[in-house]
C-alpha cells in the first residue's frame, strides 16, 4: 500500500488568525483541501501579536517549547503554540518569541513602515519551524512555503540540512506572491543567516537583501514554483523562467486545490526519475 504523502505548509499568513488576504486565504484553504485529498499535513505560521490567543484558543505545547535559538550571539527562547480549526479538522502550529512577536502588528507598524528587525524575525521563524519539525520527528515529502518570511526555509533545507535524515528526500515548493517591500532588510542579513553547512559563496544574493533577491534565492533553492499572484515583478518572472524548475501558473478556486495536489505529485515523481 502506497504511503500517504506528507506535506508541510509554512505560511506567513493564515486566516482567521490574521485579516483575509489572497495569501492568508490560501494558507487556510489549501492545507484543508490537500488533507481532504488524502495527504497528511502539518501547518505553521508566526504568532504575530495581532493573533488573538483567547479567541482562537491558542495554547503552548510544552514538550516542543524550551529551546533557545542563537542569532547574533544572543539567545532567543523558542515557544511553540497550537490552535485547531475545527471545521477543517486541522491544527496550526505557531512560532512565538516575546521579543520578536509580542508587538500588536505583523510585518509593519501602524504607519506601514517595516520593522527594523524583520530580518531576525524571519531567521528566527524559519529556524524555529525546522527545529520544531525535527523535534516532532515528522519527515515531510513536500514543504510548501508561502510568503517571503518563509523563504529562508528553502535555503536552509537545501544547504544547512541537505544531509539531515529527516529532510534528505524532501521536495520544496515556493509560492511567489506580489508582496514586495521597498526597503531592503538589515545590511548584515547575510552574516546573520550563516549556519553550519552554509558557505560564504552561498550567500551572494543575501548580501543585498531586497525582496527580489530573497525571492530569487528561494526559487533557486526550490524544486517547484507556484505563482501565487496574477502579476509578479518582471525580474522575478524572468528568474522563474530561467530557473528551469517545474512551475504552476496562477490559478484560483477549487481547480487550484486539484492542480496543487497534482503539482506535488509531479515534483515528487521528478525525484524518482532523477534517481532512476
Protein backbone atom coordinates (compact mmCIF):
# COMPACT_ATOMS: atom_id res chain seq x y z
CA UNK A 1 0.00 0.00 0.00
CA UNK A 2 1.37 3.38 -1.02
CA UNK A 3 2.14 5.58 1.99
CA UNK A 4 0.23 8.78 2.49
CA UNK A 5 2.38 11.71 1.32
CA UNK A 6 3.27 14.25 3.99
CA UNK A 7 3.00 17.95 3.17
CA UNK A 8 4.37 20.66 5.46
CA UNK A 9 2.72 24.05 4.92
CA UNK A 10 4.54 27.13 6.18
CA UNK A 11 2.70 30.40 5.66
CA UNK A 12 3.32 33.96 6.68
CA UNK A 13 -0.45 34.48 6.93
CA UNK A 14 -3.40 32.22 7.68
CA UNK A 15 -6.98 33.39 8.19
CA UNK A 16 -8.84 33.55 10.61
CA UNK A 17 -5.75 34.37 12.68
CA UNK A 18 -5.00 37.45 10.56
CA UNK A 19 -7.08 39.51 8.15
CA UNK A 20 -8.14 37.97 4.86
CA UNK A 21 -5.66 38.46 2.03
CA UNK A 22 -5.05 36.28 -1.04
CA UNK A 23 -2.16 34.63 0.84
CA UNK A 24 -4.00 34.12 4.13
CA UNK A 25 -6.95 32.55 2.31
CA UNK A 26 -4.64 30.12 0.52
CA UNK A 27 -2.94 29.46 3.86
CA UNK A 28 -6.32 28.46 5.31
CA UNK A 29 -7.95 26.64 2.38
CA UNK A 30 -5.05 24.79 0.75
CA UNK A 31 -3.96 22.64 3.72
CA UNK A 32 -7.56 21.54 4.28
CA UNK A 33 -8.04 20.79 0.58
CA UNK A 34 -4.82 18.78 0.41
CA UNK A 35 -5.71 16.86 3.57
CA UNK A 36 -9.12 16.04 2.07
CA UNK A 37 -7.29 14.70 -0.99
CA UNK A 38 -5.57 12.06 1.11
CA UNK A 39 -2.36 13.75 2.30
CA UNK A 40 -1.03 14.04 5.82
CA UNK A 41 -0.37 17.68 6.73
CA UNK A 42 1.28 19.97 9.26
CA UNK A 43 0.84 23.76 9.16
CA UNK A 44 2.96 26.59 10.66
CA UNK A 45 2.76 30.38 10.86
CA UNK A 46 4.32 33.15 13.03
CA UNK A 47 2.46 34.03 16.24
CA UNK A 48 2.22 37.72 15.41
CA UNK A 49 0.87 39.94 18.20
CA UNK A 50 -2.25 40.58 16.12
CA UNK A 51 -3.28 36.94 16.64
CA UNK A 52 -5.96 36.88 19.33
CA UNK A 53 -4.88 33.96 21.52
CA UNK A 54 -8.03 33.81 23.64
CA UNK A 55 -10.50 33.97 20.76
CA UNK A 56 -8.55 31.42 18.73
CA UNK A 57 -7.76 29.22 21.75
CA UNK A 58 -4.01 29.05 21.31
CA UNK A 59 -2.12 27.09 23.92
CA UNK A 60 1.55 26.35 24.44
CA UNK A 61 2.93 22.93 23.52
CA UNK A 62 5.29 22.44 26.45
CA UNK A 63 7.04 19.37 25.03
CA UNK A 64 8.07 21.35 21.92
CA UNK A 65 8.96 24.63 23.65
CA UNK A 66 12.02 25.42 25.75
CA UNK A 67 14.72 25.54 23.09
CA UNK A 68 16.85 28.65 22.52
CA UNK A 69 17.89 29.84 19.05
CA UNK A 70 21.06 31.91 18.81
CA UNK A 71 21.07 34.91 16.46
CA UNK A 72 23.98 37.34 16.51
CA UNK A 73 25.28 35.71 19.68
CA UNK A 74 22.02 36.28 21.56
CA UNK A 75 19.76 33.53 22.92
CA UNK A 76 16.10 33.78 21.92
CA UNK A 77 13.60 31.38 23.58
CA UNK A 78 11.51 29.38 21.13
CA UNK A 79 7.89 28.96 22.19
CA UNK A 80 5.51 26.71 20.26
CA UNK A 81 1.76 27.21 20.43
CA UNK A 82 -1.04 25.40 18.66
CA UNK A 83 -4.67 26.02 17.73
CA UNK A 84 -7.30 23.97 15.94
CA UNK A 85 -9.57 24.90 13.07
CA UNK A 86 -12.38 22.52 13.92
CA UNK A 87 -14.28 22.88 10.64
CA UNK A 88 -11.16 21.84 8.73
CA UNK A 89 -10.01 19.19 11.22
CA UNK A 90 -6.54 20.70 11.15
CA UNK A 91 -4.10 22.18 13.63
CA UNK A 92 -1.90 25.23 13.16
CA UNK A 93 1.45 25.47 14.96
CA UNK A 94 2.65 28.96 15.88
CA UNK A 95 6.29 30.01 16.27
CA UNK A 96 6.47 32.52 19.11
CA UNK A 97 9.01 34.65 20.94
CA UNK A 98 8.23 37.63 23.14
CA UNK A 99 10.90 39.93 21.70
CA UNK A 100 10.06 39.27 18.06
CA UNK A 101 6.30 38.67 18.05
CA UNK A 102 4.72 40.37 21.06
CA UNK A 103 4.06 43.70 19.26
CA UNK A 104 0.49 44.14 18.06
CA UNK A 105 1.37 44.21 14.37
CA UNK A 106 2.55 41.87 11.65
CA UNK A 107 5.50 42.88 9.47
CA UNK A 108 4.83 46.64 9.53
CA UNK A 109 3.94 49.19 12.21
CA UNK A 110 0.81 51.37 12.36
CA UNK A 111 2.38 53.74 9.80
CA UNK A 112 3.04 50.89 7.38
CA UNK A 113 6.79 51.00 7.98
CA UNK A 114 8.73 47.74 8.07
CA UNK A 115 10.15 46.72 11.42
CA UNK A 116 13.93 47.12 11.52
CA UNK A 117 14.35 43.60 12.91
CA UNK A 118 12.26 41.82 10.26
CA UNK A 119 15.46 40.11 9.14
CA UNK A 120 15.97 38.47 12.54
CA UNK A 121 12.26 37.73 12.88
CA UNK A 122 12.38 35.81 9.58
CA UNK A 123 15.55 33.94 10.59
CA UNK A 124 14.03 33.02 13.96
CA UNK A 125 10.75 31.91 12.40
CA UNK A 126 12.35 29.74 9.70
CA UNK A 127 14.84 28.10 12.03
CA UNK A 128 12.06 27.63 14.58
CA UNK A 129 9.92 25.74 12.06
CA UNK A 130 12.80 23.45 11.09
CA UNK A 131 13.75 22.74 14.71
CA UNK A 132 10.12 22.03 15.66
CA UNK A 133 9.57 19.64 12.75
CA UNK A 134 12.81 17.94 13.79
CA UNK A 135 11.53 17.63 17.35
CA UNK A 136 8.26 16.18 16.07
CA UNK A 137 10.29 13.61 14.11
CA UNK A 138 7.96 14.19 11.16
CA UNK A 139 9.69 13.81 7.77
CA UNK A 140 7.83 15.81 5.09
CA UNK A 141 7.75 14.65 1.47
CA UNK A 142 6.90 18.19 0.38
CA UNK A 143 7.44 21.55 2.08
CA UNK A 144 5.20 24.26 0.61
CA UNK A 145 6.23 27.82 1.52
CA UNK A 146 4.07 30.95 1.29
CA UNK A 147 5.46 34.46 1.72
CA UNK A 148 8.94 35.98 1.75
CA UNK A 149 9.23 35.47 5.52
CA UNK A 150 9.23 31.69 4.93
CA UNK A 151 11.76 31.79 2.08
CA UNK A 152 14.82 31.04 4.22
CA UNK A 153 13.44 27.57 4.92
CA UNK A 154 14.12 26.60 1.31
CA UNK A 155 17.68 27.90 1.58
CA UNK A 156 18.38 26.21 4.94
CA UNK A 157 16.96 22.85 3.85
CA UNK A 158 18.99 22.83 0.63
CA UNK A 159 22.25 23.96 2.27
CA UNK A 160 22.47 23.51 6.04
CA UNK A 161 20.13 20.49 6.33
CA UNK A 162 20.64 18.80 2.96
CA UNK A 163 22.08 15.65 4.58
CA UNK A 164 19.74 15.58 7.57
CA UNK A 165 17.90 12.21 7.60
CA UNK A 166 14.55 13.92 8.16
CA UNK A 167 14.85 16.21 5.13
CA UNK A 168 17.18 14.38 2.73
CA UNK A 169 14.31 13.39 0.40
CA UNK A 170 12.12 16.45 0.98
CA UNK A 171 10.97 18.43 -2.04
CA UNK A 172 10.45 22.18 -1.69
CA UNK A 173 7.74 24.24 -3.38
CA UNK A 174 7.75 28.02 -3.12
CA UNK A 175 4.68 30.14 -3.85
CA UNK A 176 5.65 33.58 -5.12
CA UNK A 177 3.30 36.45 -4.27
CA UNK A 178 3.13 40.12 -5.18
CA UNK A 179 4.13 41.27 -1.66
CA UNK A 180 7.15 43.38 -2.48
CA UNK A 181 8.66 45.54 0.27
CA UNK A 182 10.50 48.75 -0.59
CA UNK A 183 13.37 48.87 1.90
CA UNK A 184 15.98 46.07 1.91
CA UNK A 185 16.41 44.06 5.11
CA UNK A 186 19.29 44.77 7.50
CA UNK A 187 22.63 45.06 5.68
CA UNK A 188 24.12 42.33 7.91
CA UNK A 189 21.47 39.81 6.88
CA UNK A 190 23.90 37.51 5.06
CA UNK A 191 26.09 37.25 8.16
CA UNK A 192 23.13 36.59 10.45
CA UNK A 193 21.87 33.82 8.16
CA UNK A 194 25.16 31.88 8.50
CA UNK A 195 24.77 28.32 9.78
CA UNK A 196 26.94 25.18 9.73
CA UNK A 197 26.86 23.72 6.23
CA UNK A 198 26.50 27.11 4.52
CA UNK A 199 29.43 28.56 2.59
CA UNK A 200 30.07 32.27 2.16
CA UNK A 201 29.67 31.81 -1.60
CA UNK A 202 26.08 30.59 -0.99
CA UNK A 203 25.14 34.00 0.42
CA UNK A 204 25.73 36.21 -2.59
CA UNK A 205 22.08 37.16 -3.14
CA UNK A 206 21.61 37.84 0.58
CA UNK A 207 24.37 40.46 0.56
CA UNK A 208 21.76 42.84 -0.85
CA UNK A 209 18.61 41.52 0.89
CA UNK A 210 15.89 43.03 -1.29
CA UNK A 211 12.55 41.34 -1.86
CA UNK A 212 13.65 40.40 -5.37
CA UNK A 213 16.92 38.84 -4.19
CA UNK A 214 15.24 36.89 -1.36
CA UNK A 215 12.73 35.58 -3.88
CA UNK A 216 15.45 34.65 -6.38
CA UNK A 217 17.27 32.66 -3.70
CA UNK A 218 14.04 30.89 -2.74
CA UNK A 219 13.43 30.00 -6.39
CA UNK A 220 16.99 28.67 -6.73
CA UNK A 221 16.55 26.59 -3.56
CA UNK A 222 13.18 25.10 -4.54
CA UNK A 223 12.13 22.14 -6.68
CA UNK A 224 8.88 23.67 -7.88
CA UNK A 225 7.41 27.18 -8.14
CA UNK A 226 3.78 28.25 -7.84
CA UNK A 227 2.70 31.71 -8.96
CA UNK A 228 0.54 32.94 -6.09
CA UNK A 229 -0.38 36.26 -7.72
CA UNK A 230 -1.66 37.07 -11.20
CA UNK A 231 1.06 39.66 -11.70
CA UNK A 232 4.64 39.40 -10.43
CA UNK A 233 7.72 41.61 -10.62
CA UNK A 234 9.11 41.22 -14.17
CA UNK A 235 12.59 40.44 -12.83
CA UNK A 236 11.15 37.61 -10.76
CA UNK A 237 9.10 36.33 -13.71
CA UNK A 238 12.30 36.23 -15.73
CA UNK A 239 14.15 34.37 -12.98
CA UNK A 240 11.37 31.77 -12.69
CA UNK A 241 11.55 31.11 -16.43
CA UNK A 242 15.34 30.96 -16.39
CA UNK A 243 15.37 28.54 -13.43
CA UNK A 244 14.02 25.64 -15.46
CA UNK A 245 12.01 24.49 -12.41
CA UNK A 246 8.53 23.00 -12.61
CA UNK A 247 6.02 25.86 -12.50
CA UNK A 248 2.31 26.02 -11.72
CA UNK A 249 0.76 29.15 -13.17
CA UNK A 250 -1.57 31.37 -11.16
CA UNK A 251 -4.96 29.80 -10.51
CA UNK A 252 -7.96 30.41 -8.26
CA UNK A 253 -10.90 28.45 -6.88
CA UNK A 254 -11.49 24.73 -6.48
CA UNK A 255 -9.40 23.95 -9.55
CA UNK A 256 -6.37 25.35 -7.72
CA UNK A 257 -6.65 22.70 -4.99
CA UNK A 258 -6.68 19.86 -7.53
CA UNK A 259 -3.87 21.48 -9.52
CA UNK A 260 -1.72 21.81 -6.39
CA UNK A 261 -2.27 18.19 -5.44
CA UNK A 262 -1.22 17.11 -8.93
CA UNK A 263 1.74 19.50 -8.82
CA UNK A 264 3.01 17.90 -5.61
CA UNK A 265 2.91 14.51 -7.37
CA UNK A 266 4.79 15.90 -10.36
CA UNK A 267 7.53 17.34 -8.15
CA UNK A 268 7.85 14.11 -6.17
CA UNK A 269 7.86 11.97 -9.31
CA UNK A 270 10.65 14.06 -10.80
CA UNK A 271 12.79 12.90 -7.89
CA UNK A 272 12.10 9.27 -8.81
CA UNK A 273 13.03 9.89 -12.43
CA UNK A 274 16.32 11.51 -11.36
CA UNK A 275 17.12 8.53 -9.10
CA UNK A 276 16.35 6.06 -11.91
